[in-house]
Every structure is written in structure tokens, then in C-alpha cells.
Amino acid sequence: MIAKLKMGRLNLRFVFNHQWEDDGLMSRLNFKPKRLGLWWRRELAVGVRKAGRAAFDRDNLVPSYQVGLDLIVCRVWLSWDLGVKHFKLEEQ
């Protein structure tokens, strides 16, 4: 289950994933190593201030944060960022 919320430039995403989801083989493989714990991640993402090749310059990168909880049979995490460029991909 994925829930997304966008308020202005703030993007929030909540993800709940359990081992009995019917997503095929990848869902089962992700739960092969049993993990237990609380984790935190900070990454840099492309910002919205610049366009074209300049969008990937060092001064256009903004932080994106995640905090999550891994239990043996499920994983839950919350992601948030402010001013990150999101690309819309379409299937053919």
C-alpha cells in the first residue's frame, strides 16, 4: 500500500509492504533476508530551481528523508522532501 500527499512543494509518501502481498516474485525475494529494526536515510535529489543539464548541478540538489521500521513479516516507511523534481513516466 502506498499513500501519497502533496502540499505545495512538500511531498509525503507512506509505504506499507508485507510478505503476503501478491506482487509476484520480487515481493517474496525482498523478504528473504529477515530484518528487524528502525532505520533512517538521507539522500540528495534533483531540485526544481533549474532545468535542463543544469538541473543536475551540485547547487540544485536538495535533501530527501526516509524513516522506516522493518519487522520480520512487514516493512513500513515514511518519505518526505521539499522542492524535489518528480518525473512522470508513462507506460507504452
PDB file of N, CA and C in Angstrom:
ATOM      1  N   MET A   1       0.841  -1.164   0.000  1.00  0.00           N
ATOM      2  CA  MET A   1       0.000   0.000   0.000  1.00  0.00           C
ATOM      3  C   MET A   1       0.892   1.235   0.000  1.00  0.00           C
ATOM      4  N   ILE A   2       0.597   2.152  -0.895  1.00  0.00           N
ATOM      5  CA  ILE A   2       1.333   3.404  -0.985  1.00  0.00           C
ATOM      6  C   ILE A   2       0.339   4.552  -0.927  1.00  0.00           C
ATOM      7  N   ALA A   3       0.591   5.499  -0.032  1.00  0.00           N
ATOM      8  CA  ALA A   3      -0.248   6.694   0.069  1.00  0.00           C
ATOM      9  C   ALA A   3       0.648   7.911  -0.175  1.00  0.00           C
ATOM     10  N   LYS A   4       0.215   8.805  -1.084  1.00  0.00           N
ATOM     11  CA  LYS A   4       0.989   9.994  -1.427  1.00  0.00           C
ATOM     12  C   LYS A   4       0.177  11.233  -1.099  1.00  0.00           C
ATOM     13  N   LEU A   5       0.873  12.259  -0.632  1.00  0.00           N
ATOM     14  CA  LEU A   5       0.232  13.529  -0.325  1.00  0.00           C
ATOM     15  C   LEU A   5       1.181  14.639  -0.755  1.00  0.00           C
ATOM     16  N   LYS A   6       0.658  15.592  -1.526  1.00  0.00           N
ATOM     17  CA  LYS A   6       1.459  16.732  -1.970  1.00  0.00           C
ATOM     18  C   LYS A   6       0.784  18.006  -1.501  1.00  0.00           C
ATOM     19  N   MET A   7       1.528  18.805  -0.739  1.00  0.00           N
ATOM     20  CA  MET A   7       1.033  20.087  -0.249  1.00  0.00           C
ATOM     21  C   MET A   7       2.035  21.161  -0.659  1.00  0.00           C
ATOM     22  N   GLY A   8       1.734  21.860  -1.747  1.00  0.00           N
ATOM     23  CA  GLY A   8       2.675  22.855  -2.254  1.00  0.00           C
ATOM     24  C   GLY A   8       3.936  22.171  -2.748  1.00  0.00           C
ATOM     25  N   ARG A   9       5.083  22.512  -2.159  1.00  0.00           N
ATOM     26  CA  ARG A   9       6.353  21.887  -2.537  1.00  0.00           C
ATOM     27  C   ARG A   9       6.691  20.680  -1.672  1.00  0.00           C
ATOM     28  N   LEU A  10       5.904  20.415  -0.627  1.00  0.00           N
ATOM     29  CA  LEU A  10       6.161  19.299   0.282  1.00  0.00           C
ATOM     30  C   LEU A  10       5.512  18.026  -0.254  1.00  0.00           C
ATOM     31  N   ASN A  11       6.293  16.964  -0.358  1.00  0.00           N
ATOM     32  CA  ASN A  11       5.802  15.662  -0.817  1.00  0.00           C
ATOM     33  C   ASN A  11       5.958  14.650   0.315  1.00  0.00           C
ATOM     34  N   LEU A  12       4.880  13.967   0.660  1.00  0.00           N
ATOM     35  CA  LEU A  12       4.897  12.915   1.671  1.00  0.00           C
ATOM     36  C   LEU A  12       4.468  11.605   1.030  1.00  0.00           C
ATOM     37  N   ARG A  13       5.159  10.525   1.369  1.00  0.00           N
ATOM     38  CA  ARG A  13       4.796   9.198   0.891  1.00  0.00           C
ATOM     39  C   ARG A  13       4.855   8.229   2.057  1.00  0.00           C
ATOM     40  N   PHE A  14       3.807   7.413   2.205  1.00  0.00           N
ATOM     41  CA  PHE A  14       3.741   6.383   3.232  1.00  0.00           C
ATOM     42  C   PHE A  14       3.629   5.039   2.531  1.00  0.00           C
ATOM     43  N   VAL A  15       4.492   4.094   2.894  1.00  0.00           N
ATOM     44  CA  VAL A  15       4.504   2.781   2.245  1.00  0.00           C
ATOM     45  C   VAL A  15       4.393   1.701   3.310  1.00  0.00           C
ATOM     46  N   PHE A  16       3.487   0.753   3.086  1.00  0.00           N
ATOM     47  CA  PHE A  16       3.335  -0.426   3.936  1.00  0.00           C
ATOM     48  C   PHE A  16       3.463  -1.644   3.028  1.00  0.00           C
ATOM     49  N   ASN A  17       4.418  -2.499   3.316  1.00  0.00           N
ATOM     50  CA  ASN A  17       4.699  -3.657   2.480  1.00  0.00           C
ATOM     51  C   ASN A  17       4.783  -4.888   3.382  1.00  0.00           C
ATOM     52  N   HIS A  18       4.056  -5.955   3.037  1.00  0.00           N
ATOM     53  CA  HIS A  18       4.138  -7.190   3.824  1.00  0.00           C
ATOM     54  C   HIS A  18       4.427  -8.365   2.905  1.00  0.00           C
ATOM     55  N   GLN A  19       4.895  -9.455   3.473  1.00  0.00           N
ATOM     56  CA  GLN A  19       5.371 -10.570   2.659  1.00  0.00           C
ATOM     57  C   GLN A  19       4.267 -11.347   1.971  1.00  0.00           C
ATOM     58  N   TRP A  20       3.005 -11.146   2.301  1.00  0.00           N
ATOM     59  CA  TRP A  20       1.910 -11.862   1.660  1.00  0.00           C
ATOM     60  C   TRP A  20       1.268 -11.062   0.524  1.00  0.00           C
ATOM     61  N   GLU A  21       1.861  -9.917   0.173  1.00  0.00           N
ATOM     62  CA  GLU A  21       1.352  -9.141  -0.958  1.00  0.00           C
ATOM     63  C   GLU A  21       1.476  -9.947  -2.234  1.00  0.00           C
ATOM     64  N   ASP A  22       0.538  -9.793  -3.120  1.00  0.00           N
ATOM     65  CA  ASP A  22       0.547 -10.540  -4.370  1.00  0.00           C
ATOM     66  C   ASP A  22       1.195  -9.703  -5.466  1.00  0.00           C
ATOM     67  N   ASP A  23       2.479  -9.370  -5.287  1.00  0.00           N
ATOM     68  CA  ASP A  23       3.228  -8.596  -6.278  1.00  0.00           C
ATOM     69  C   ASP A  23       4.145  -9.470  -7.111  1.00  0.00           C
ATOM     70  N   GLY A  24       4.033 -10.767  -6.967  1.00  0.00           N
ATOM     71  CA  GLY A  24       4.866 -11.669  -7.747  1.00  0.00           C
ATOM     72  C   GLY A  24       6.149 -12.035  -7.030  1.00  0.00           C
ATOM     73  N   LEU A  25       7.135 -12.414  -7.801  1.00  0.00           N
ATOM     74  CA  LEU A  25       8.385 -12.929  -7.271  1.00  0.00           C
ATOM     75  C   LEU A  25       9.180 -11.891  -6.496  1.00  0.00           C
ATOM     76  N   MET A  26       9.202 -10.632  -6.945  1.00  0.00           N
ATOM     77  CA  MET A  26      10.011  -9.611  -6.281  1.00  0.00           C
ATOM     78  C   MET A  26       9.584  -9.385  -4.841  1.00  0.00           C
ATOM     79  N   SER A  27       8.297  -9.454  -4.564  1.00  0.00           N
ATOM     80  CA  SER A  27       7.821  -9.277  -3.201  1.00  0.00           C
ATOM     81  C   SER A  27       8.349 -10.390  -2.298  1.00  0.00           C
ATOM     82  N   ARG A  28       8.366 -11.607  -2.793  1.00  0.00           N
ATOM     83  CA  ARG A  28       8.873 -12.722  -1.987  1.00  0.00           C
ATOM     84  C   ARG A  28      10.379 -12.635  -1.791  1.00  0.00           C
ATOM     85  N   LEU A  29      11.111 -12.192  -2.816  1.00  0.00           N
ATOM     86  CA  LEU A  29      12.562 -12.076  -2.709  1.00  0.00           C
ATOM     87  C   LEU A  29      12.976 -10.973  -1.745  1.00  0.00           C
ATOM     88  N   ASN A  30      12.196  -9.892  -1.659  1.00  0.00           N
ATOM     89  CA  ASN A  30      12.530  -8.793  -0.755  1.00  0.00           C
ATOM     90  C   ASN A  30      12.460  -9.206   0.705  1.00  0.00           C
ATOM     91  N   PHE A  31      11.678 -10.227   1.028  1.00  0.00           N
ATOM     92  CA  PHE A  31      11.544 -10.660   2.409  1.00  0.00           C
ATOM     93  C   PHE A  31      12.374 -11.913   2.703  1.00  0.00           C
ATOM     94  N   LYS A  32      13.239 -12.318   1.784  1.00  0.00           N
ATOM     95  CA  LYS A  32      14.094 -13.479   2.019  1.00  0.00           C
ATOM     96  C   LYS A  32      15.043 -13.233   3.198  1.00  0.00           C
ATOM     97  N   PRO A  33      15.800 -12.114   3.213  1.00  0.00           N
ATOM     98  CA  PRO A  33      16.586 -11.846   4.426  1.00  0.00           C
ATOM     99  C   PRO A  33      15.661 -11.269   5.502  1.00  0.00           C
ATOM    100  N   LYS A  34      15.600 -11.897   6.630  1.00  0.00           N
ATOM    101  CA  LYS A  34      14.751 -11.433   7.733  1.00  0.00           C
ATOM    102  C   LYS A  34      15.440 -10.265   8.425  1.00  0.00           C
ATOM    103  N   ARG A  35      14.732  -9.141   8.514  1.00  0.00           N
ATOM    104  CA  ARG A  35      15.306  -7.941   9.129  1.00  0.00           C
ATOM    105  C   ARG A  35      14.386  -7.435  10.223  1.00  0.00           C
ATOM    106  N   LEU A  36      14.996  -6.860  11.217  1.00  0.00           N
ATOM    107  CA  LEU A  36      14.259  -6.306  12.343  1.00  0.00           C
ATOM    108  C   LEU A  36      14.976  -5.031  12.772  1.00  0.00           C
ATOM    109  N   GLY A  37      14.260  -3.908  12.815  1.00  0.00           N
ATOM    110  CA  GLY A  37      14.921  -2.695  13.271  1.00  0.00           C
ATOM    111  C   GLY A  37      14.293  -1.421  12.748  1.00  0.00           C
ATOM    112  N   LEU A  38      14.814  -0.316  13.249  1.00  0.00           N
ATOM    113  CA  LEU A  38      14.397   1.032  12.885  1.00  0.00           C
ATOM    114  C   LEU A  38      15.541   1.646  12.083  1.00  0.00           C
ATOM    115  N   TRP A  39      15.216   2.334  10.980  1.00  0.00           N
ATOM    116  CA  TRP A  39      16.265   2.919  10.163  1.00  0.00           C
ATOM    117  C   TRP A  39      15.899   4.319   9.707  1.00  0.00           C
ATOM    118  N   TRP A  40      16.930   5.051   9.285  1.00  0.00           N
ATOM    119  CA  TRP A  40      16.823   6.447   8.862  1.00  0.00           C
ATOM    120  C   TRP A  40      17.734   6.623   7.652  1.00  0.00           C
ATOM    121  N   ARG A  41      17.275   7.349   6.642  1.00  0.00           N
ATOM    122  CA  ARG A  41      18.075   7.566   5.440  1.00  0.00           C
ATOM    123  C   ARG A  41      17.914   9.000   4.960  1.00  0.00           C
ATOM    124  N   ARG A  42      19.016   9.591   4.525  1.00  0.00           N
ATOM    125  CA  ARG A  42      19.006  10.926   3.919  1.00  0.00           C
ATOM    126  C   ARG A  42      19.725  10.813   2.587  1.00  0.00           C
ATOM    127  N   GLU A  43      19.064  11.264   1.514  1.00  0.00           N
ATOM    128  CA  GLU A  43      19.644  11.224   0.182  1.00  0.00           C
ATOM    129  C   GLU A  43      19.491  12.585  -0.467  1.00  0.00           C
ATOM    130  N   LEU A  44      20.262  12.827  -1.497  1.00  0.00           N
ATOM    131  CA  LEU A  44      20.140  14.063  -2.260  1.00  0.00           C
ATOM    132  C   LEU A  44      19.350  13.777  -3.530  1.00  0.00           C
ATOM    133  N   ALA A  45      18.424  14.687  -3.858  1.00  0.00           N
ATOM    134  CA  ALA A  45      17.574  14.533  -5.034  1.00  0.00           C
ATOM    135  C   ALA A  45      17.639  15.816  -5.861  1.00  0.00           C
ATOM    136  N   VAL A  46      17.230  15.722  -7.112  1.00  0.00           N
ATOM    137  CA  VAL A  46      17.256  16.867  -8.025  1.00  0.00           C
ATOM    138  C   VAL A  46      16.160  17.852  -7.633  1.00  0.00           C
ATOM    139  N   GLY A  47      16.526  19.118  -7.493  1.00  0.00           N
ATOM    140  CA  GLY A  47      15.579  20.165  -7.120  1.00  0.00           C
ATOM    141  C   GLY A  47      14.848  20.741  -8.323  1.00  0.00           C
ATOM    142  N   VAL A  48      13.949  21.668  -8.063  1.00  0.00           N
ATOM    143  CA  VAL A  48      13.104  22.244  -9.120  1.00  0.00           C
ATOM    144  C   VAL A  48      13.580  23.623  -9.585  1.00  0.00           C
ATOM    145  N   ARG A  49      14.655  24.158  -9.005  1.00  0.00           N
ATOM    146  CA  ARG A  49      15.063  25.526  -9.340  1.00  0.00           C
ATOM    147  C   ARG A  49      15.653  25.670 -10.735  1.00  0.00           C
ATOM    148  N   LYS A  50      16.313  24.626 -11.247  1.00  0.00           N
ATOM    149  CA  LYS A  50      16.963  24.709 -12.550  1.00  0.00           C
ATOM    150  C   LYS A  50      16.376  23.662 -13.486  1.00  0.00           C
ATOM    151  N   ALA A  51      16.596  23.851 -14.792  1.00  0.00           N
ATOM    152  CA  ALA A  51      16.079  22.913 -15.792  1.00  0.00           C
ATOM    153  C   ALA A  51      17.203  22.502 -16.730  1.00  0.00           C
ATOM    154  N   GLY A  52      16.954  21.477 -17.511  1.00  0.00           N
ATOM    155  CA  GLY A  52      17.947  21.005 -18.480  1.00  0.00           C
ATOM    156  C   GLY A  52      19.124  20.334 -17.796  1.00  0.00           C
ATOM    157  N   ARG A  53      20.296  20.472 -18.394  1.00  0.00           N
ATOM    158  CA  ARG A  53      21.505  19.866 -17.821  1.00  0.00           C
ATOM    159  C   ARG A  53      21.890  20.513 -16.495  1.00  0.00           C
ATOM    160  N   ALA A  54      21.563  21.772 -16.330  1.00  0.00           N
ATOM    161  CA  ALA A  54      21.906  22.477 -15.093  1.00  0.00           C
ATOM    162  C   ALA A  54      21.126  21.947 -13.896  1.00  0.00           C
ATOM    163  N   ALA A  55      20.049  21.191 -14.131  1.00  0.00           N
ATOM    164  CA  ALA A  55      19.257  20.638 -13.028  1.00  0.00           C
ATOM    165  C   ALA A  55      20.070  19.672 -12.183  1.00  0.00           C
ATOM    166  N   PHE A  56      21.111  19.068 -12.775  1.00  0.00           N
ATOM    167  CA  PHE A  56      21.909  18.082 -12.054  1.00  0.00           C
ATOM    168  C   PHE A  56      23.164  18.679 -11.423  1.00  0.00           C
ATOM    169  N   ASP A  57      23.277  20.000 -11.405  1.00  0.00           N
ATOM    170  CA  ASP A  57      24.405  20.653 -10.741  1.00  0.00           C
ATOM    171  C   ASP A  57      24.330  20.447  -9.236  1.00  0.00           C
ATOM    172  N   ARG A  58      25.465  20.543  -8.598  1.00  0.00           N
ATOM    173  CA  ARG A  58      25.558  20.315  -7.144  1.00  0.00           C
ATOM    174  C   ARG A  58      24.698  21.301  -6.347  1.00  0.00           C
ATOM    175  N   ASP A  59      24.571  22.539  -6.811  1.00  0.00           N
ATOM    176  CA  ASP A  59      23.804  23.534  -6.059  1.00  0.00           C
ATOM    177  C   ASP A  59      22.294  23.395  -6.259  1.00  0.00           C
ATOM    178  N   ASN A  60      21.836  22.451  -7.071  1.00  0.00           N
ATOM    179  CA  ASN A  60      20.406  22.222  -7.275  1.00  0.00           C
ATOM    180  C   ASN A  60      19.927  20.954  -6.560  1.00  0.00           C
ATOM    181  N   LEU A  61      20.802  20.283  -5.829  1.00  0.00           N
ATOM    182  CA  LEU A  61      20.415  19.070  -5.116  1.00  0.00           C
ATOM    183  C   LEU A  61      19.843  19.438  -3.754  1.00  0.00           C
ATOM    184  N   VAL A  62      18.720  18.809  -3.398  1.00  0.00           N
ATOM    185  CA  VAL A  62      18.056  19.067  -2.113  1.00  0.00           C
ATOM    186  C   VAL A  62      17.898  17.744  -1.366  1.00  0.00           C
ATOM    187  N   PRO A  63      17.846  17.776  -0.033  1.00  0.00           N
ATOM    188  CA  PRO A  63      17.749  16.524   0.731  1.00  0.00           C
ATOM    189  C   PRO A  63      16.352  15.902   0.671  1.00  0.00           C
ATOM    190  N   SER A  64      16.331  14.582   0.697  1.00  0.00           N
ATOM    191  CA  SER A  64      15.115  13.790   0.779  1.00  0.00           C
ATOM    192  C   SER A  64      15.314  12.821   1.946  1.00  0.00           C
ATOM    193  N   TYR A  65      14.324  12.690   2.811  1.00  0.00           N
ATOM    194  CA  TYR A  65      14.471  11.914   4.044  1.00  0.00           C
ATOM    195  C   TYR A  65      13.525  10.723   4.066  1.00  0.00           C
ATOM    196  N   GLN A  66      13.941   9.656   4.748  1.00  0.00           N
ATOM    197  CA  GLN A  66      13.111   8.474   4.967  1.00  0.00           C
ATOM    198  C   GLN A  66      13.349   7.976   6.381  1.00  0.00           C
ATOM    199  N   VAL A  67      12.292   7.530   7.008  1.00  0.00           N
ATOM    200  CA  VAL A  67      12.395   6.846   8.291  1.00  0.00           C
ATOM    201  C   VAL A  67      11.509   5.610   8.182  1.00  0.00           C
ATOM    202  N   GLY A  68      12.007   4.484   8.668  1.00  0.00           N
ATOM    203  CA  GLY A  68      11.259   3.250   8.478  1.00  0.00           C
ATOM    204  C   GLY A  68      11.426   2.273   9.618  1.00  0.00           C
ATOM    205  N   LEU A  69      10.571   1.263   9.581  1.00  0.00           N
ATOM    206  CA  LEU A  69      10.564   0.204  10.578  1.00  0.00           C
ATOM    207  C   LEU A  69      10.493  -1.127   9.835  1.00  0.00           C
ATOM    208  N   ASP A  70      11.472  -1.991  10.075  1.00  0.00           N
ATOM    209  CA  ASP A  70      11.486  -3.325   9.483  1.00  0.00           C
ATOM    210  C   ASP A  70      11.112  -4.334  10.559  1.00  0.00           C
ATOM    211  N   LEU A  71      10.036  -5.034  10.312  1.00  0.00           N
ATOM    212  CA  LEU A  71       9.660  -6.159  11.155  1.00  0.00           C
ATOM    213  C   LEU A  71       9.906  -7.426  10.340  1.00  0.00           C
ATOM    214  N   ILE A  72       9.782  -8.567  10.909  1.00  0.00           N
ATOM    215  CA  ILE A  72      10.116  -9.791  10.188  1.00  0.00           C
ATOM    216  C   ILE A  72       9.166 -10.021   9.015  1.00  0.00           C
ATOM    217  N   VAL A  73       7.882  -9.715   9.167  1.00  0.00           N
ATOM    218  CA  VAL A  73       6.903 -10.006   8.116  1.00  0.00           C
ATOM    219  C   VAL A  73       6.398  -8.761   7.386  1.00  0.00           C
ATOM    220  N   CYS A  74       6.778  -7.555   7.815  1.00  0.00           N
ATOM    221  CA  CYS A  74       6.321  -6.341   7.128  1.00  0.00           C
ATOM    222  C   CYS A  74       7.351  -5.226   7.281  1.00  0.00           C
ATOM    223  N   ARG A  75       7.227  -4.251   6.376  1.00  0.00           N
ATOM    224  CA  ARG A  75       8.083  -3.067   6.398  1.00  0.00           C
ATOM    225  C   ARG A  75       7.206  -1.837   6.214  1.00  0.00           C
ATOM    226  N   VAL A  76       7.510  -0.806   6.968  1.00  0.00           N
ATOM    227  CA  VAL A  76       6.752   0.444   6.910  1.00  0.00           C
ATOM    228  C   VAL A  76       7.769   1.577   6.848  1.00  0.00           C
ATOM    229  N   TRP A  77       7.541   2.550   5.937  1.00  0.00           N
ATOM    230  CA  TRP A  77       8.403   3.717   5.942  1.00  0.00           C
ATOM    231  C   TRP A  77       7.658   4.947   5.471  1.00  0.00           C
ATOM    232  N   LEU A  78       8.181   6.093   5.885  1.00  0.00           N
ATOM    233  CA  LEU A  78       7.640   7.405   5.550  1.00  0.00           C
ATOM    234  C   LEU A  78       8.754   8.198   4.886  1.00  0.00           C
ATOM    235  N   SER A  79       8.463   8.775   3.725  1.00  0.00           N
ATOM    236  CA  SER A  79       9.429   9.595   2.987  1.00  0.00           C
ATOM    237  C   SER A  79       8.887  11.007   2.868  1.00  0.00           C
ATOM    238  N   TRP A  80       9.767  11.987   2.955  1.00  0.00           N
ATOM    239  CA  TRP A  80       9.339  13.360   2.740  1.00  0.00           C
ATOM    240  C   TRP A  80      10.482  14.159   2.124  1.00  0.00           C
ATOM    241  N   ASP A  81      10.095  15.137   1.318  1.00  0.00           N
ATOM    242  CA  ASP A  81      11.057  16.034   0.701  1.00  0.00           C
ATOM    243  C   ASP A  81      10.364  17.354   0.392  1.00  0.00           C
ATOM    244  N   LEU A  82      11.174  18.368   0.181  1.00  0.00           N
ATOM    245  CA  LEU A  82      10.671  19.713  -0.064  1.00  0.00           C
ATOM    246  C   LEU A  82      11.362  20.269  -1.299  1.00  0.00           C
ATOM    247  N   GLY A  83      10.604  20.497  -2.365  1.00  0.00           N
ATOM    248  CA  GLY A  83      11.162  21.090  -3.578  1.00  0.00           C
ATOM    249  C   GLY A  83      11.931  20.120  -4.453  1.00  0.00           C
ATOM    250  N   VAL A  84      11.520  18.856  -4.502  1.00  0.00           N
ATOM    251  CA  VAL A  84      12.175  17.857  -5.344  1.00  0.00           C
ATOM    252  C   VAL A  84      11.405  17.705  -6.646  1.00  0.00           C
ATOM    253  N   LYS A  85      12.125  17.599  -7.752  1.00  0.00           N
ATOM    254  CA  LYS A  85      11.501  17.420  -9.062  1.00  0.00           C
ATOM    255  C   LYS A  85      11.068  15.966  -9.211  1.00  0.00           C
ATOM    256  N   HIS A  86       9.808  15.763  -9.621  1.00  0.00           N
ATOM    257  CA  HIS A  86       9.284  14.423  -9.852  1.00  0.00           C
ATOM    258  C   HIS A  86       8.994  14.274 -11.335  1.00  0.00           C
ATOM    259  N   PHE A  87       9.497  13.201 -11.886  1.00  0.00           N
ATOM    260  CA  PHE A  87       9.300  12.929 -13.310  1.00  0.00           C
ATOM    261  C   PHE A  87       8.125  11.985 -13.468  1.00  0.00           C
ATOM    262  N   LYS A  88       7.284  12.271 -14.431  1.00  0.00           N
ATOM    263  CA  LYS A  88       6.115  11.424 -14.683  1.00  0.00           C
ATOM    264  C   LYS A  88       6.455  10.468 -15.820  1.00  0.00           C
ATOM    265  N   LEU A  89       6.476   9.174 -15.530  1.00  0.00           N
ATOM    266  CA  LEU A  89       6.778   8.166 -16.528  1.00  0.00           C
ATOM    267  C   LEU A  89       5.495   7.493 -16.957  1.00  0.00           C
ATOM    268  N   GLU A  90       5.349   7.280 -18.240  1.00  0.00           N
ATOM    269  CA  GLU A  90       4.157   6.648 -18.765  1.00  0.00           C
ATOM    270  C   GLU A  90       4.534   5.332 -19.423  1.00  0.00           C
ATOM    271  N   GLU A  91       3.695   4.327 -19.231  1.00  0.00           N
ATOM    272  CA  GLU A  91       3.924   3.035 -19.880  1.00  0.00           C
ATOM    273  C   GLU A  91       3.407   3.080 -21.300  1.00  0.00           C
ATOM    274  N   GLN A  92       4.051   2.312 -22.160  1.00  0.00           N
ATOM    275  CA  GLN A  92       3.615   2.270 -23.553  1.00  0.00           C
ATOM    276  C   GLN A  92       2.858   1.005 -23.824  1.00  0.00           C
TER     277      GLN A  92
END
